[in-house]
Structures are given as C-alpha cells and as structure tokens.
Amino acid sequence: VPAKVAFRLESSKQAGLMTVKAQI
C-alpha cells in the first residue's frame, strides 16, 4: 500500500507525558 509516515511531538494534556502525533 503506497503510504508514507511521519510524526511530530507535542505537549500532552496529561502531566508527565508527551503526545506523539503519527501522520500517515
């Protein structure tokens, strides 16, 4: 399947965590 994946990091609403935003 022709797919490309990237990601970026953002602050999470939950304390002590970060959000990894996977973009497909």
PDB file of all heavy atoms in Angstrom:
ATOM      1  N   VAL A   1       0.874  -1.177   0.000  1.00  0.00           N
ATOM      2  CA  VAL A   1       0.000   0.000   0.000  1.00  0.00           C
ATOM      3  C   VAL A   1       0.913   1.230   0.000  1.00  0.00           C
ATOM      4  O   VAL A   1       1.818   1.323   0.838  1.00  0.00           O
ATOM      5  CB  VAL A   1      -0.919   0.022   1.238  1.00  0.00           C
ATOM      6  CG1 VAL A   1      -1.686   1.338   1.323  1.00  0.00           C
ATOM      7  CG2 VAL A   1      -1.890  -1.149   1.196  1.00  0.00           C
ATOM      8  N   PRO A   2       0.717   2.178  -0.931  1.00  0.00           N
ATOM      9  CA  PRO A   2       1.595   3.357  -1.000  1.00  0.00           C
ATOM     10  C   PRO A   2       1.319   4.321   0.152  1.00  0.00           C
ATOM     11  O   PRO A   2       0.402   5.143   0.079  1.00  0.00           O
ATOM     12  CB  PRO A   2       1.249   3.980  -2.359  1.00  0.00           C
ATOM     13  CG  PRO A   2      -0.159   3.525  -2.623  1.00  0.00           C
ATOM     14  CD  PRO A   2      -0.295   2.170  -2.001  1.00  0.00           C
ATOM     15  N   ALA A   3       2.096   4.197   1.212  1.00  0.00           N
ATOM     16  CA  ALA A   3       1.872   5.023   2.401  1.00  0.00           C
ATOM     17  C   ALA A   3       3.199   5.584   2.907  1.00  0.00           C
ATOM     18  O   ALA A   3       4.227   4.907   2.859  1.00  0.00           O
ATOM     19  CB  ALA A   3       1.195   4.209   3.499  1.00  0.00           C
ATOM     20  N   LYS A   4       3.159   6.824   3.370  1.00  0.00           N
ATOM     21  CA  LYS A   4       4.316   7.471   3.969  1.00  0.00           C
ATOM     22  C   LYS A   4       3.943   7.894   5.393  1.00  0.00           C
ATOM     23  O   LYS A   4       2.823   8.334   5.644  1.00  0.00           O
ATOM     24  CB  LYS A   4       4.754   8.684   3.156  1.00  0.00           C
ATOM     25  CG  LYS A   4       5.253   8.337   1.754  1.00  0.00           C
ATOM     26  CD  LYS A   4       5.702   9.588   1.008  1.00  0.00           C
ATOM     27  CE  LYS A   4       6.209   9.249  -0.390  1.00  0.00           C
ATOM     28  NZ  LYS A   4       6.637  10.471  -1.120  1.00  0.00           N
ATOM     29  N   VAL A   5       4.908   7.755   6.304  1.00  0.00           N
ATOM     30  CA  VAL A   5       4.644   8.033   7.717  1.00  0.00           C
ATOM     31  C   VAL A   5       5.628   9.079   8.237  1.00  0.00           C
ATOM     32  O   VAL A   5       6.826   9.024   7.935  1.00  0.00           O
ATOM     33  CB  VAL A   5       4.757   6.746   8.566  1.00  0.00           C
ATOM     34  CG1 VAL A   5       4.472   7.055  10.038  1.00  0.00           C
ATOM     35  CG2 VAL A   5       3.799   5.671   8.040  1.00  0.00           C
ATOM     36  N   ALA A   6       5.110  10.008   8.995  1.00  0.00           N
ATOM     37  CA  ALA A   6       5.934  10.993   9.690  1.00  0.00           C
ATOM     38  C   ALA A   6       5.320  11.204  11.074  1.00  0.00           C
ATOM     39  O   ALA A   6       4.238  10.686  11.376  1.00  0.00           O
ATOM     40  CB  ALA A   6       5.996  12.305   8.918  1.00  0.00           C
ATOM     41  N   PHE A   7       6.016  11.936  11.921  1.00  0.00           N
ATOM     42  CA  PHE A   7       5.467  12.206  13.258  1.00  0.00           C
ATOM     43  C   PHE A   7       6.017  13.526  13.770  1.00  0.00           C
ATOM     44  O   PHE A   7       7.035  14.032  13.295  1.00  0.00           O
ATOM     45  CB  PHE A   7       5.811  11.072  14.233  1.00  0.00           C
ATOM     46  CG  PHE A   7       7.277  11.007  14.604  1.00  0.00           C
ATOM     47  CD1 PHE A   7       7.782  11.719  15.680  1.00  0.00           C
ATOM     48  CD2 PHE A   7       8.148  10.219  13.860  1.00  0.00           C
ATOM     49  CE1 PHE A   7       9.130  11.661  16.004  1.00  0.00           C
ATOM     50  CE2 PHE A   7       9.490  10.147  14.169  1.00  0.00           C
ATOM     51  CZ  PHE A   7       9.984  10.876  15.250  1.00  0.00           C
ATOM     52  N   ARG A   8       5.327  14.076  14.754  1.00  0.00           N
ATOM     53  CA  ARG A   8       5.826  15.239  15.471  1.00  0.00           C
ATOM     54  C   ARG A   8       5.438  15.107  16.937  1.00  0.00           C
ATOM     55  O   ARG A   8       4.496  14.377  17.276  1.00  0.00           O
ATOM     56  CB  ARG A   8       5.285  16.537  14.872  1.00  0.00           C
ATOM     57  CG  ARG A   8       3.813  16.793  15.074  1.00  0.00           C
ATOM     58  CD  ARG A   8       3.441  18.182  14.546  1.00  0.00           C
ATOM     59  NE  ARG A   8       2.091  18.554  14.893  1.00  0.00           N
ATOM     60  CZ  ARG A   8       1.033  18.314  14.132  1.00  0.00           C
ATOM     61  NH1 ARG A   8       1.179  17.680  12.975  1.00  0.00           N
ATOM     62  NH2 ARG A   8      -0.162  18.712  14.515  1.00  0.00           N
ATOM     63  N   LEU A   9       6.164  15.793  17.785  1.00  0.00           N
ATOM     64  CA  LEU A   9       5.926  15.733  19.231  1.00  0.00           C
ATOM     65  C   LEU A   9       5.255  17.006  19.708  1.00  0.00           C
ATOM     66  O   LEU A   9       5.601  18.107  19.274  1.00  0.00           O
ATOM     67  CB  LEU A   9       7.251  15.533  19.984  1.00  0.00           C
ATOM     68  CG  LEU A   9       8.069  14.288  19.636  1.00  0.00           C
ATOM     69  CD1 LEU A   9       9.376  14.277  20.423  1.00  0.00           C
ATOM     70  CD2 LEU A   9       7.272  13.026  19.928  1.00  0.00           C
ATOM     71  N   GLU A  10       4.297  16.835  20.602  1.00  0.00           N
ATOM     72  CA  GLU A  10       3.622  17.963  21.219  1.00  0.00           C
ATOM     73  C   GLU A  10       3.402  17.667  22.695  1.00  0.00           C
ATOM     74  O   GLU A  10       3.416  16.503  23.124  1.00  0.00           O
ATOM     75  CB  GLU A  10       2.276  18.243  20.542  1.00  0.00           C
ATOM     76  CG  GLU A  10       2.380  18.761  19.125  1.00  0.00           C
ATOM     77  CD  GLU A  10       1.025  19.167  18.565  1.00  0.00           C
ATOM     78  OE1 GLU A  10       0.023  19.044  19.309  1.00  0.00           O
ATOM     79  OE2 GLU A  10       0.973  19.609  17.400  1.00  0.00           O
ATOM     80  N   SER A  11       3.184  18.719  23.462  1.00  0.00           N
ATOM     81  CA  SER A  11       2.890  18.537  24.884  1.00  0.00           C
ATOM     82  C   SER A  11       1.533  17.882  25.052  1.00  0.00           C
ATOM     83  O   SER A  11       0.590  18.176  24.313  1.00  0.00           O
ATOM     84  CB  SER A  11       2.907  19.892  25.608  1.00  0.00           C
ATOM     85  OG  SER A  11       4.186  20.495  25.517  1.00  0.00           O
ATOM     86  N   SER A  12       1.456  16.982  26.012  1.00  0.00           N
ATOM     87  CA  SER A  12       0.203  16.289  26.285  1.00  0.00           C
ATOM     88  C   SER A  12      -0.576  17.010  27.373  1.00  0.00           C
ATOM     89  O   SER A  12      -0.011  17.738  28.192  1.00  0.00           O
ATOM     90  CB  SER A  12       0.490  14.847  26.716  1.00  0.00           C
ATOM     91  OG  SER A  12      -0.696  14.211  27.154  1.00  0.00           O
ATOM     92  N   LYS A  13      -1.878  16.805  27.368  1.00  0.00           N
ATOM     93  CA  LYS A  13      -2.708  17.359  28.435  1.00  0.00           C
ATOM     94  C   LYS A  13      -2.506  16.616  29.744  1.00  0.00           C
ATOM     95  O   LYS A  13      -2.879  17.112  30.811  1.00  0.00           O
ATOM     96  CB  LYS A  13      -4.178  17.303  28.027  1.00  0.00           C
ATOM     97  CG  LYS A  13      -4.526  18.179  26.818  1.00  0.00           C
ATOM     98  CD  LYS A  13      -6.001  18.085  26.476  1.00  0.00           C
ATOM     99  CE  LYS A  13      -6.343  18.957  25.282  1.00  0.00           C
ATOM    100  NZ  LYS A  13      -7.787  18.882  24.920  1.00  0.00           N
ATOM    101  N   GLN A  14      -1.924  15.419  29.669  1.00  0.00           N
ATOM    102  CA  GLN A  14      -1.660  14.620  30.855  1.00  0.00           C
ATOM    103  C   GLN A  14      -0.261  14.919  31.379  1.00  0.00           C
ATOM    104  O   GLN A  14       0.711  14.924  30.615  1.00  0.00           O
ATOM    105  CB  GLN A  14      -1.787  13.129  30.547  1.00  0.00           C
ATOM    106  CG  GLN A  14      -3.142  12.728  29.993  1.00  0.00           C
ATOM    107  CD  GLN A  14      -3.253  11.243  29.800  1.00  0.00           C
ATOM    108  OE1 GLN A  14      -3.016  10.455  30.718  1.00  0.00           O
ATOM    109  NE2 GLN A  14      -3.616  10.830  28.589  1.00  0.00           N
ATOM    110  N   ALA A  15      -0.152  15.168  32.666  1.00  0.00           N
ATOM    111  CA  ALA A  15       1.127  15.521  33.277  1.00  0.00           C
ATOM    112  C   ALA A  15       2.133  14.382  33.124  1.00  0.00           C
ATOM    113  O   ALA A  15       1.802  13.213  33.297  1.00  0.00           O
ATOM    114  CB  ALA A  15       0.931  15.839  34.765  1.00  0.00           C
ATOM    115  N   GLY A  16       3.365  14.747  32.779  1.00  0.00           N
ATOM    116  CA  GLY A  16       4.426  13.771  32.665  1.00  0.00           C
ATOM    117  C   GLY A  16       4.456  13.010  31.360  1.00  0.00           C
ATOM    118  O   GLY A  16       5.302  12.123  31.192  1.00  0.00           O
ATOM    119  N   LEU A  17       3.567  13.337  30.432  1.00  0.00           N
ATOM    120  CA  LEU A  17       3.507  12.633  29.152  1.00  0.00           C
ATOM    121  C   LEU A  17       3.705  13.597  27.994  1.00  0.00           C
ATOM    122  O   LEU A  17       3.531  14.803  28.118  1.00  0.00           O
ATOM    123  CB  LEU A  17       2.164  11.911  28.990  1.00  0.00           C
ATOM    124  CG  LEU A  17       1.776  10.884  30.049  1.00  0.00           C
ATOM    125  CD1 LEU A  17       0.422  10.273  29.707  1.00  0.00           C
ATOM    126  CD2 LEU A  17       2.835   9.791  30.179  1.00  0.00           C
ATOM    127  N   MET A  18       4.096  13.038  26.875  1.00  0.00           N
ATOM    128  CA  MET A  18       4.176  13.779  25.618  1.00  0.00           C
ATOM    129  C   MET A  18       3.304  13.078  24.584  1.00  0.00           C
ATOM    130  O   MET A  18       3.071  11.870  24.665  1.00  0.00           O
ATOM    131  CB  MET A  18       5.617  13.848  25.117  1.00  0.00           C
ATOM    132  CG  MET A  18       6.525  14.743  25.950  1.00  0.00           C
ATOM    133  SD  MET A  18       6.143  16.511  25.728  1.00  0.00           S
ATOM    134  CE  MET A  18       6.720  16.772  24.033  1.00  0.00           C
ATOM    135  N   THR A  19       2.814  13.840  23.624  1.00  0.00           N
ATOM    136  CA  THR A  19       1.971  13.278  22.573  1.00  0.00           C
ATOM    137  C   THR A  19       2.786  13.089  21.304  1.00  0.00           C
ATOM    138  O   THR A  19       3.403  14.034  20.805  1.00  0.00           O
ATOM    139  CB  THR A  19       0.776  14.190  22.271  1.00  0.00           C
ATOM    140  OG1 THR A  19      -0.029  14.327  23.445  1.00  0.00           O
ATOM    141  CG2 THR A  19      -0.081  13.604  21.160  1.00  0.00           C
ATOM    142  N   VAL A  20       2.809  11.860  20.822  1.00  0.00           N
ATOM    143  CA  VAL A  20       3.424  11.560  19.535  1.00  0.00           C
ATOM    144  C   VAL A  20       2.306  11.540  18.492  1.00  0.00           C
ATOM    145  O   VAL A  20       1.417  10.694  18.539  1.00  0.00           O
ATOM    146  CB  VAL A  20       4.159  10.202  19.561  1.00  0.00           C
ATOM    147  CG1 VAL A  20       4.759   9.895  18.189  1.00  0.00           C
ATOM    148  CG2 VAL A  20       5.232  10.192  20.633  1.00  0.00           C
ATOM    149  N   LYS A  21       2.356  12.485  17.568  1.00  0.00           N
ATOM    150  CA  LYS A  21       1.327  12.589  16.533  1.00  0.00           C
ATOM    151  C   LYS A  21       1.827  11.868  15.280  1.00  0.00           C
ATOM    152  O   LYS A  21       2.678  12.392  14.544  1.00  0.00           O
ATOM    153  CB  LYS A  21       1.005  14.050  16.234  1.00  0.00           C
ATOM    154  CG  LYS A  21       0.262  14.762  17.362  1.00  0.00           C
ATOM    155  CD  LYS A  21      -0.046  16.200  16.979  1.00  0.00           C
ATOM    156  CE  LYS A  21      -1.023  16.838  17.961  1.00  0.00           C
ATOM    157  NZ  LYS A  21      -2.380  16.331  17.817  1.00  0.00           N
ATOM    158  N   ALA A  22       1.323  10.679  15.061  1.00  0.00           N
ATOM    159  CA  ALA A  22       1.690   9.919  13.860  1.00  0.00           C
ATOM    160  C   ALA A  22       0.847  10.387  12.695  1.00  0.00           C
ATOM    161  O   ALA A  22      -0.386  10.430  12.782  1.00  0.00           O
ATOM    162  CB  ALA A  22       1.490   8.432  14.105  1.00  0.00           C
ATOM    163  N   GLN A  23       1.495  10.749  11.597  1.00  0.00           N
ATOM    164  CA  GLN A  23       0.803  11.259  10.413  1.00  0.00           C
ATOM    165  C   GLN A  23       1.043  10.295   9.248  1.00  0.00           C
ATOM    166  O   GLN A  23       2.191  10.043   8.873  1.00  0.00           O
ATOM    167  CB  GLN A  23       1.309  12.661  10.076  1.00  0.00           C
ATOM    168  CG  GLN A  23       1.095  13.667  11.213  1.00  0.00           C
ATOM    169  CD  GLN A  23       1.841  14.967  10.976  1.00  0.00           C
ATOM    170  OE1 GLN A  23       2.976  14.976  10.547  1.00  0.00           O
ATOM    171  NE2 GLN A  23       1.167  16.077  11.261  1.00  0.00           N
ATOM    172  N   ILE A  24      -0.026   9.779   8.696  1.00  0.00           N
ATOM    173  CA  ILE A  24       0.047   8.768   7.641  1.00  0.00           C
ATOM    174  C   ILE A  24      -0.583   9.329   6.370  1.00  0.00           C
ATOM    175  O   ILE A  24      -1.733   9.773   6.377  1.00  0.00           O
ATOM    176  CB  ILE A  24      -0.672   7.481   8.064  1.00  0.00           C
ATOM    177  CG1 ILE A  24      -0.109   6.962   9.397  1.00  0.00           C
ATOM    178  CG2 ILE A  24      -0.540   6.403   6.995  1.00  0.00           C
ATOM    179  CD1 ILE A  24      -0.889   5.807   9.980  1.00  0.00           C
TER     180      ILE A  24
END
